Amino acid sequence: MNTVVELLLMLCLLPLIRNVGCDLFERQALADISHSLDDLEEVEEMLAWKREEQILQSTRLPNNVIPLHYDLRLEVDLQEFVVLGRVTVTVRCQVPTSYILLHASNKLEILGGDSQPMLQGQNGDATPTITSWSLHSENDFLLLKLDGELTKDGVYNVKIHFRMGLGDHQFGLYRSSYINKNKQKRYLATTHFEPTGARKAFPCFDEPALKATFKVTLVHQAEYQAVSNMPVERSVKREDGWVKDHFMTSPKMATYLVAFVVSDLTSVGLKTRSGIEINVSARPSAIAEGKGAYSLGISEKILTYFGDYLGISYPLPKLDLAAIPDFPMGGMENWGLIMFEETALLYDIEAPSAKAKEKVSHVVSHELAHMWFGDLVTMKWWDGIWLNEGITSYFERLGADFAEPDLKVLDLLTCEVRAAMEKDSLASSRPVYQPVHRTSEIGELFDDITYLKGASLMRMLHHSVGEDIFRTAFQNYLQKNAYSSTVQEQLWEEFTQALVQDGQSDLNVKSMMDTWTLQMGYPVVTFNRDYSSGKMDVTQQHFLKDASASNRVPDSTFGYKWYVPVSYTIKRGEKRNPNSLWLTPTTDAKVIDLEGAGAEDWILGNVEQVGFYRVNYDPKNWRLLINHLRSDRFQDIPAVNRGTLVDDALNLAGASMLDITIALDLSQYLVRERSHVAWELAKSALGYISDILSSETDVYQKWQDYMVHLITLFYNDVSWTEEDLTFQDEMGQVVAVSIACENGQPDCVARAKDLFARWMDTNDNSHIPERLKKTVYCTAIEHGGEAQWEFGWQRYQQGDTTEQIYLLSALACTQDTDLLKMYLEKSKDNGQIRQQYAADVIQGIAEKKAGKSVAWEFFVDNWEDFYFKSFNENGALPSIVEKIPKLFCTDKDLENLLLFTKDRDLGTAARTFQQAVDSTQANIRWRQNNLDKVQKWLDKIIITKF
C-alpha cells in the first residue's frame, strides 16, 4: 500500500472509539478524498478489516443494534446431558450497519446448514442476508456479517440454532445432582448467569443495560418439571413423551437474571394476600422434612415489607426460591426464580440454631431486596455493581430486622463490616465505584468493598438524612427508573431533591457520597482534647494498615479526605450528651467546645458505630475510657462501641498510631464482657494477633493463656446448657465456647472431646447441641488422632448438607499434615466433595497453624489445573486466594507470594493477590514493631490460670 493510502487509513481510523458499528465517514466523502487513487477498493477493504479488529478487541458491544425481545427454546436432555437450543432475538437498528455483534461462548456450537443463522425484517422490506458468522473467544463474541446494511430504526429478527453439553462447571447452564432416599443419583439442569454466564447458555446481548423481554420454552423428559422466571402459560405433552412448557413473557430485564431449572425437586408454597404465589423448592427429602417452611414464612413477610417500604409492589405473579445441590454462592437474585445454596435456604426447625437462622434470614432477605435493586432497576454497567449489591446488603438487614427483630441484625452488620475495613485499609484497595475495562475485571468487584462497605455507606447515609428522606429518595429512584438502568448520580440526585423539598439545602448528597465511592479507603477521625480549655480538635486522615505504604497509594481527586458525619458523646456523671458535626475535605480541623466537660469525663466517638471510620483519641482520653470499661459502669458505653474500641485500638496500634500497650490494656476489660456483639468485634482484632504470633511458639502459648483468662468467666456463665435460649444468649454461648476451645481452655477441650467420643461410641450425636457442633467437631479432631478424623470423614459422606458443612470445617482442624494432604486431594474429586465446597477445604486448612504450609504448597501445585480452571469464571477464586495467605507474616512468605504471582495470569483474583502481598508486608512490619512489646506486656500482666 502506498504512503497516501496509509495516511488516509490512519486519519480515517482516528474517530474509532465507541460506536464502531457506524460508518466512520460517509462513503461519498471517502470517494471525494480518494477519487484520484486507483486503490480505493483496497482502502475500503483495509478499513473494514481494521474496523472488525477494533470491534472484536472491545470489551463492550457497539450498540449498533439493541435487543427488544428474546424467544428462547431449549430442549434439555438429562440422560445424554445435551441441550439443543434456538433463540430468536428481536432487535432494533440504532445506526445503519452491515454486521451484528452479540455474545456467545465458544462452548456453544452454532449450527449451520438448514439451521444456519437467519435474519428477517418485521416490516416486510428487503432484508440483508447473513453471509458468515464467527465466534471469538477473547470477549465471547459472535459476529454476524451481512451482505447489506440494516436500516436505522428498523426492527429485525435474528434466529440462531445452537447446541451445547451439560457440564458440572456451576456457571452458565450446568448440571447438578443429588442422591435421593433410594440411593439413586438424580440429575437436574440449572443456571447461574451473573455476571457473564448467559452467553454460555444462548447467544444474547449480555450486558446489564441491554434489557429486553423474554419468552422461554423448555422441553424436557416427562419425569422432570421445569421452572423459569415466569409462570407456565401452557404445557404440552408431545407424542414422544417429552413435555414442552411455554412460559409467560417476562418484563424487561437483564440477561444475567434469566433462569430456569429442569429437575424433580419438590416444593412447598403459599399465596400472599396480594395474590403472589411463593414456592420453596428443594430435593424431595428436605421438603418432606419441613426444611422449607421457615424460609417460606419469612419470604412472605419480607416481600410485603419491601413492597410497602419502597412504594412498589413486587411486580411478577410468582416467586420461586430453589435450593440447588451444587451452587457456587449463597444466593442469586434471578427475577422470579431465586437460586440458593442449600444451607442458605433450608432451615431445620427440629435442630434449631441461631447461627443457621441468621444465615437463612439474611440471604433470603438479601435476594428479595434484589427484586427491586438489581432486577427492577439495574446498574448500567458492572462498574456500578455496588448499586445492586451494596444497597441490597443494607436493605437485607432492614428486611431481616423486620422479619426477625430479636436478631438485632444492624448490630451484626457492624461486626461484618470490619472485614471490609481490613481490606480497605490496604494500599491496593479500590473505590466502591470501580471502572471495568476487561471482562476478567468484573469478578473482582464481588467483594467486601462492594457488599459490606456499600452497605455501611447506605447505613451512614440513612442516619445522615433521616428516615423520611431516605425512604422518599429510594421510592422516587425506583419509580422513575423502573425496568431501566442507572448510574449512581441518578440516586444522589433523588436524595438531594428530597432534601431540598424538605427545606434542607445545606447537604449536597452527591458531593458527600462521591468522596466515599470514588476514592478508596476511609479516615481515622482523631479527637485531641485540651483539658485546660475544655476544647477539642477533630481531624481526619487516611487510615492505612501499613503506614509505610503511603507512597504506593494512587492519587485521589479528593486527596483522601471525606465528608464525615462525626458523632460523639460526652460522659458527665449520669448524663450522656450525643453530638454531631461534619468534617469536610476542605477543613483541616474542627475545634469543638465541649461545654464544660470535666477533665475526668471521657469522650466516645462514632456512637453505635454508624460511620465508616475509625476513631483515635489523645492518650489521656484512652485511659479514661479504659478506666470506665474496667468499672462496674462499663455498660454505659454501648456494646457495639465497646467492641469497636478494642478493634480500633489494636488496628491503630498496628498502624503505629497508638502505643500497643494502651490497646492491650484496654482489652483486659473483656474479662467482664458478656455481649456477643462486643466479643465478636474484639475477637477479630485479637484473632489477628493470634495469627501473627502462631509462628512464635513461646509467646503464642502466653497469648493463648491470656485469651483463656479473658474468656473463662464468660464461658463458665454460659456453660454447655442445652436449654432453649434467646438469640442473643445463644450467640453468646457460641462465641464463648468457640473462643475457649480455640485457645485450649482445659474444660472446654475436655467436654468437646467427651461429646465427640460418645458420638463415636453410639453412632448418635443427638446429645451434641446443634449450635455447638462446629466447635465440638473441630476441637475433638484437632486434639484427636487419625481415628477421630476418619470417623468425621465417614460421617461427612453420610450426613445431610448442614451436617456436612460442620464436618467439612472440622476435618481441616487436624494437626496431622498427612491427613491434611489427603483431605486436600479429596477436595479435587467432585464425587467425594462437591466442587462448591472444595474452596472451603483449602481455606479452612490455610487458616490453621498446622495447615499454613500444606495449603500453600497444594494451592501452588494445583493452581492451573484445578483452582483457576474450576473457580475463575464462577467468581469463587478471589475468596479462595484471600484466605490462603492469611497467616503469612515472614520474609519467606512474602518471597513465595511474589514468586508465584510474577508473570502469571491471575484472572479474577489479580487484585486479591495484590492485597495478599500488601497484607503480608503489613504483617511483617507488625511483627517488627510490636512482637517484643507484646511479649514484654504478657510477661508483666497477671493471668489467672483456670
Foldseek 3Di string as FASTA:
>chain_A
DDPVLVVVLVVLCVVCDALLFAHSDDVVVLCVVCVVPPVSVVSVVVNVVVSVVVCLVFLAHNPQKFFAEKEKEWEAEPVQQKIKIKIKTKIFGAHKGFKDKWAAAPQKAWDDDVQHKFKAWPVPDDDWGFPDWDADHQNRMIMTGTPGIDDHRTIMIIMIIIMHGADQQQAAWHKAWDQDPVRDIWIKIKHQQPPHRPNHHDIGRRFFQRWYKYKYKYKYAPLKDKDWQAAFPDKDQDPVRIIITTGDIDFTGGSSLTIMMIGNWDWDWDAAPVQEIEIETEHPVLVVQVFQVVLRVLLNVLQVVCCVLLVHHLPGRYAYEYATCFHQDAWDQRNRYIYGPNLLRTDRPVFDALVSVVSVLLSSQLSSLLSQQPTFENARGLLQCLSRALCSLQSSQVSSCRSPVLQVVVLVLLLVLVVVQVLLQFLLHWFLRDDDRHPLQSLLNPDSCSHNVSNLVLLLVCVVLDPVLSSQLSSVLRVVATSGYDHVVSSQVSSCVSCVVVVHNPDRSCQQCCLRGVGTAAWAWEWEDDQVQQKTKIAIDGRHLALVCPVSHDDDPLRRWHFWWKWKWKDDPPDTDIDTDTDHSVDGIDMGRNPPRHSLIAMAMCASVSTPHHYHYPVVNLVSLLVCLQDPNVVVRPLSSLLSLLVRLLSCVLRVNHPVLSSVSSLQSLLPDQWLSSVSSNCVSLVLVLLLCLVPPPLNLLSLLQLLLNQVVNCVVLDQDLDDDRSRSSSSNLSSLQSCLVSCPPVSLVVLLVLLVVCVVPVDNPVHRSNNLLSSLQSNQQPDDPVSLVVLLVCLQVDDPSSVVSSLLNSLNHLPLVSLLVNLVQLQDCVRPNVSCSLVSLLSNCSDSSRLVVSVVVCLVCVPPGLCVSDQVSSCNQVSLLRNLSSQADPVSLVVLCVSPPPDCPRNNVSSSVSSNSVNVSSNVSCVVPVVVSSVSSVPDDGDRD
